[in-house]
């Protein structure tokens, strides 16, 4: 799956996870949030989420440990 970490209106990171066939830049254009903080691909492995990659058009890269923690926390609070 692809993901974007966006900053919500209160300044908190919000993960958006979507299919790989959807481009990061196209998804970014559809979101009402402010700043995009990072992006890449995410997979669920035996040790948890693994984040990697990025998007040249957006000028963003994955922050592997930080992004995985944001995604994990968002799923715990749902």
N, C-alpha and C. Protein backbone atom coordinates (compact mmCIF):
# COMPACT_ATOMS: atom_id res chain seq x y z
N UNK A 1 0.84 -1.17 0.00
CA UNK A 1 0.00 0.00 0.00
C UNK A 1 0.89 1.25 0.00
N UNK A 2 0.36 2.32 -0.54
CA UNK A 2 1.02 3.62 -0.46
C UNK A 2 0.49 4.37 0.76
N UNK A 3 1.24 5.35 1.20
CA UNK A 3 0.76 6.19 2.29
C UNK A 3 1.29 7.60 2.16
N UNK A 4 0.57 8.50 2.78
CA UNK A 4 0.98 9.88 3.00
C UNK A 4 0.81 10.15 4.48
N UNK A 5 1.73 10.88 5.08
CA UNK A 5 1.55 11.39 6.43
C UNK A 5 1.30 12.88 6.25
N UNK A 6 0.10 13.30 6.64
CA UNK A 6 -0.31 14.70 6.50
C UNK A 6 -0.37 15.35 7.87
N UNK A 7 -0.24 16.65 7.89
CA UNK A 7 -0.42 17.40 9.13
C UNK A 7 -1.86 17.90 9.17
N UNK A 8 -2.59 17.53 10.23
CA UNK A 8 -3.98 18.00 10.32
C UNK A 8 -4.01 19.45 10.79
N UNK A 9 -5.21 19.98 10.95
CA UNK A 9 -5.37 21.39 11.27
C UNK A 9 -4.90 21.75 12.68
N UNK A 10 -4.70 20.73 13.52
CA UNK A 10 -4.18 20.99 14.87
C UNK A 10 -2.68 20.71 14.95
N UNK A 11 -2.06 20.39 13.80
CA UNK A 11 -0.62 20.15 13.77
C UNK A 11 -0.20 18.71 14.04
N UNK A 12 -1.17 17.80 14.15
CA UNK A 12 -0.87 16.40 14.42
C UNK A 12 -0.71 15.61 13.12
N UNK A 13 0.20 14.62 13.10
CA UNK A 13 0.37 13.80 11.90
C UNK A 13 -0.79 12.82 11.73
N UNK A 14 -1.29 12.71 10.50
CA UNK A 14 -2.40 11.82 10.17
C UNK A 14 -1.98 10.94 9.00
N UNK A 15 -2.02 9.61 9.16
CA UNK A 15 -1.66 8.74 8.04
C UNK A 15 -2.86 8.51 7.12
N UNK A 16 -2.58 8.53 5.83
CA UNK A 16 -3.56 8.20 4.81
C UNK A 16 -2.98 7.02 4.04
N UNK A 17 -3.66 5.89 4.06
CA UNK A 17 -3.16 4.69 3.38
C UNK A 17 -4.08 4.38 2.21
N UNK A 18 -3.49 4.08 1.06
CA UNK A 18 -4.27 3.90 -0.16
C UNK A 18 -3.56 2.92 -1.09
N UNK A 19 -4.27 2.37 -2.10
CA UNK A 19 -3.69 1.36 -2.99
C UNK A 19 -2.49 1.90 -3.79
N UNK A 20 -1.59 1.00 -4.12
CA UNK A 20 -0.40 1.39 -4.89
C UNK A 20 -0.72 1.94 -6.27
N UNK A 21 -1.86 1.56 -6.81
CA UNK A 21 -2.20 2.05 -8.17
C UNK A 21 -2.55 3.54 -8.18
N UNK A 22 -2.76 4.12 -7.00
CA UNK A 22 -3.04 5.56 -6.87
C UNK A 22 -1.72 6.27 -6.59
N UNK A 23 -1.42 7.28 -7.39
CA UNK A 23 -0.19 8.04 -7.25
C UNK A 23 -0.24 8.96 -6.02
N UNK A 24 0.90 9.10 -5.36
CA UNK A 24 0.98 9.96 -4.17
C UNK A 24 0.51 11.39 -4.47
N UNK A 25 0.97 11.95 -5.57
CA UNK A 25 0.63 13.34 -5.91
C UNK A 25 -0.86 13.48 -6.20
N UNK A 26 -1.44 12.49 -6.86
CA UNK A 26 -2.88 12.53 -7.13
C UNK A 26 -3.68 12.47 -5.83
N UNK A 27 -3.25 11.62 -4.91
CA UNK A 27 -3.94 11.53 -3.61
C UNK A 27 -3.78 12.83 -2.84
N UNK A 28 -2.58 13.39 -2.84
CA UNK A 28 -2.33 14.64 -2.13
C UNK A 28 -3.28 15.74 -2.59
N UNK A 29 -3.53 15.79 -3.90
CA UNK A 29 -4.42 16.81 -4.45
C UNK A 29 -5.86 16.67 -3.95
N UNK A 30 -6.24 15.49 -3.50
CA UNK A 30 -7.61 15.24 -3.07
C UNK A 30 -7.84 15.50 -1.58
N UNK A 31 -6.78 15.71 -0.83
CA UNK A 31 -6.89 15.81 0.63
C UNK A 31 -7.04 17.25 1.10
N UNK A 32 -7.89 17.46 2.11
CA UNK A 32 -8.11 18.82 2.60
C UNK A 32 -7.07 19.30 3.60
N UNK A 33 -6.13 18.44 3.98
CA UNK A 33 -5.14 18.80 4.99
C UNK A 33 -4.11 19.76 4.44
N UNK A 34 -3.34 20.35 5.35
CA UNK A 34 -2.29 21.30 4.99
C UNK A 34 -1.07 20.65 4.40
N UNK A 35 -0.04 20.53 5.19
CA UNK A 35 1.27 20.10 4.73
C UNK A 35 1.40 18.57 4.70
N UNK A 36 2.01 18.07 3.63
CA UNK A 36 2.39 16.66 3.57
C UNK A 36 3.77 16.54 4.23
N UNK A 37 3.90 15.63 5.18
CA UNK A 37 5.14 15.48 5.93
C UNK A 37 6.06 14.42 5.34
N UNK A 38 5.48 13.32 4.85
CA UNK A 38 6.28 12.23 4.27
C UNK A 38 5.35 11.33 3.48
N UNK A 39 5.96 10.42 2.71
CA UNK A 39 5.16 9.46 1.95
C UNK A 39 6.04 8.29 1.54
N UNK A 40 5.39 7.24 1.08
CA UNK A 40 6.12 6.06 0.62
C UNK A 40 5.19 4.87 0.51
N UNK A 41 5.76 3.69 0.69
CA UNK A 41 4.97 2.47 0.71
C UNK A 41 5.05 1.87 2.10
N UNK A 42 3.99 1.17 2.48
CA UNK A 42 3.94 0.55 3.80
C UNK A 42 3.50 -0.91 3.64
N UNK A 43 4.17 -1.77 4.35
CA UNK A 43 3.82 -3.18 4.39
C UNK A 43 3.78 -3.61 5.85
N UNK A 44 2.94 -4.60 6.13
CA UNK A 44 2.87 -5.15 7.47
C UNK A 44 3.72 -6.41 7.50
N UNK A 45 4.79 -6.36 8.29
CA UNK A 45 5.70 -7.49 8.42
C UNK A 45 5.56 -8.13 9.79
N UNK A 46 6.36 -9.15 10.06
CA UNK A 46 6.29 -9.85 11.34
C UNK A 46 6.57 -8.94 12.54
N UNK A 47 7.37 -7.91 12.35
CA UNK A 47 7.73 -7.00 13.44
C UNK A 47 6.88 -5.73 13.46
N UNK A 48 5.91 -5.62 12.56
CA UNK A 48 5.07 -4.43 12.49
C UNK A 48 5.14 -3.79 11.12
N UNK A 49 4.80 -2.53 11.05
CA UNK A 49 4.78 -1.82 9.77
C UNK A 49 6.20 -1.46 9.32
N UNK A 50 6.43 -1.60 8.01
CA UNK A 50 7.71 -1.26 7.39
C UNK A 50 7.42 -0.20 6.34
N UNK A 51 8.00 0.98 6.50
CA UNK A 51 7.79 2.11 5.60
C UNK A 51 9.07 2.38 4.81
N UNK A 52 8.90 2.65 3.51
CA UNK A 52 10.07 2.93 2.67
C UNK A 52 9.63 3.76 1.47
N UNK A 53 10.62 4.20 0.69
CA UNK A 53 10.35 4.89 -0.57
C UNK A 53 10.11 6.37 -0.40
N UNK A 54 9.32 6.91 -1.32
CA UNK A 54 9.02 8.33 -1.35
C UNK A 54 8.38 8.69 -2.67
N UNK A 55 8.34 9.97 -2.97
CA UNK A 55 7.78 10.44 -4.23
C UNK A 55 8.54 11.68 -4.68
N UNK A 56 9.18 11.57 -5.84
CA UNK A 56 10.00 12.67 -6.36
C UNK A 56 9.16 13.90 -6.69
N UNK A 57 7.96 13.70 -7.22
CA UNK A 57 7.11 14.83 -7.59
C UNK A 57 6.75 15.69 -6.38
N UNK A 58 6.49 15.04 -5.26
CA UNK A 58 6.17 15.77 -4.03
C UNK A 58 7.43 16.20 -3.28
N UNK A 59 8.56 15.62 -3.63
CA UNK A 59 9.81 15.93 -2.93
C UNK A 59 9.83 15.38 -1.51
N UNK A 60 9.16 14.25 -1.31
CA UNK A 60 9.06 13.66 0.03
C UNK A 60 9.62 12.25 0.05
N UNK A 61 10.14 11.86 1.20
CA UNK A 61 10.65 10.51 1.42
C UNK A 61 10.00 9.94 2.68
N UNK A 62 10.07 8.63 2.77
CA UNK A 62 9.60 7.95 3.97
C UNK A 62 10.54 8.26 5.13
N UNK A 63 9.98 8.31 6.31
CA UNK A 63 10.74 8.37 7.56
C UNK A 63 10.41 7.05 8.25
N UNK A 64 11.18 6.00 7.96
CA UNK A 64 10.77 4.64 8.32
C UNK A 64 10.26 4.45 9.75
N UNK A 65 11.03 4.78 10.73
CA UNK A 65 10.61 4.53 12.12
C UNK A 65 9.46 5.46 12.53
N UNK A 66 9.59 6.74 12.21
CA UNK A 66 8.58 7.71 12.62
C UNK A 66 7.24 7.45 11.94
N UNK A 67 7.26 7.16 10.64
CA UNK A 67 6.02 6.90 9.91
C UNK A 67 5.34 5.63 10.40
N UNK A 68 6.13 4.58 10.65
CA UNK A 68 5.56 3.34 11.17
C UNK A 68 4.89 3.57 12.52
N UNK A 69 5.49 4.40 13.36
CA UNK A 69 4.91 4.70 14.66
C UNK A 69 3.60 5.49 14.52
N UNK A 70 3.55 6.43 13.59
CA UNK A 70 2.33 7.21 13.36
C UNK A 70 1.20 6.29 12.88
N UNK A 71 1.50 5.40 11.95
CA UNK A 71 0.50 4.47 11.42
C UNK A 71 0.02 3.53 12.52
N UNK A 72 0.94 2.98 13.28
CA UNK A 72 0.59 2.06 14.37
C UNK A 72 -0.31 2.75 15.38
N UNK A 73 0.05 3.95 15.79
CA UNK A 73 -0.73 4.69 16.77
C UNK A 73 -2.13 5.00 16.24
N UNK A 74 -2.23 5.39 14.98
CA UNK A 74 -3.54 5.70 14.40
C UNK A 74 -4.45 4.48 14.40
N UNK A 75 -3.90 3.32 14.15
CA UNK A 75 -4.71 2.10 14.15
C UNK A 75 -5.09 1.67 15.56
N UNK A 76 -4.28 1.97 16.52
CA UNK A 76 -4.60 1.64 17.92
C UNK A 76 -5.73 2.48 18.46
N UNK A 77 -5.84 3.72 17.98
CA UNK A 77 -6.83 4.63 18.53
C UNK A 77 -8.15 4.56 17.78
N UNK A 78 -8.27 3.74 16.80
CA UNK A 78 -9.52 3.62 16.02
C UNK A 78 -10.43 2.60 16.61
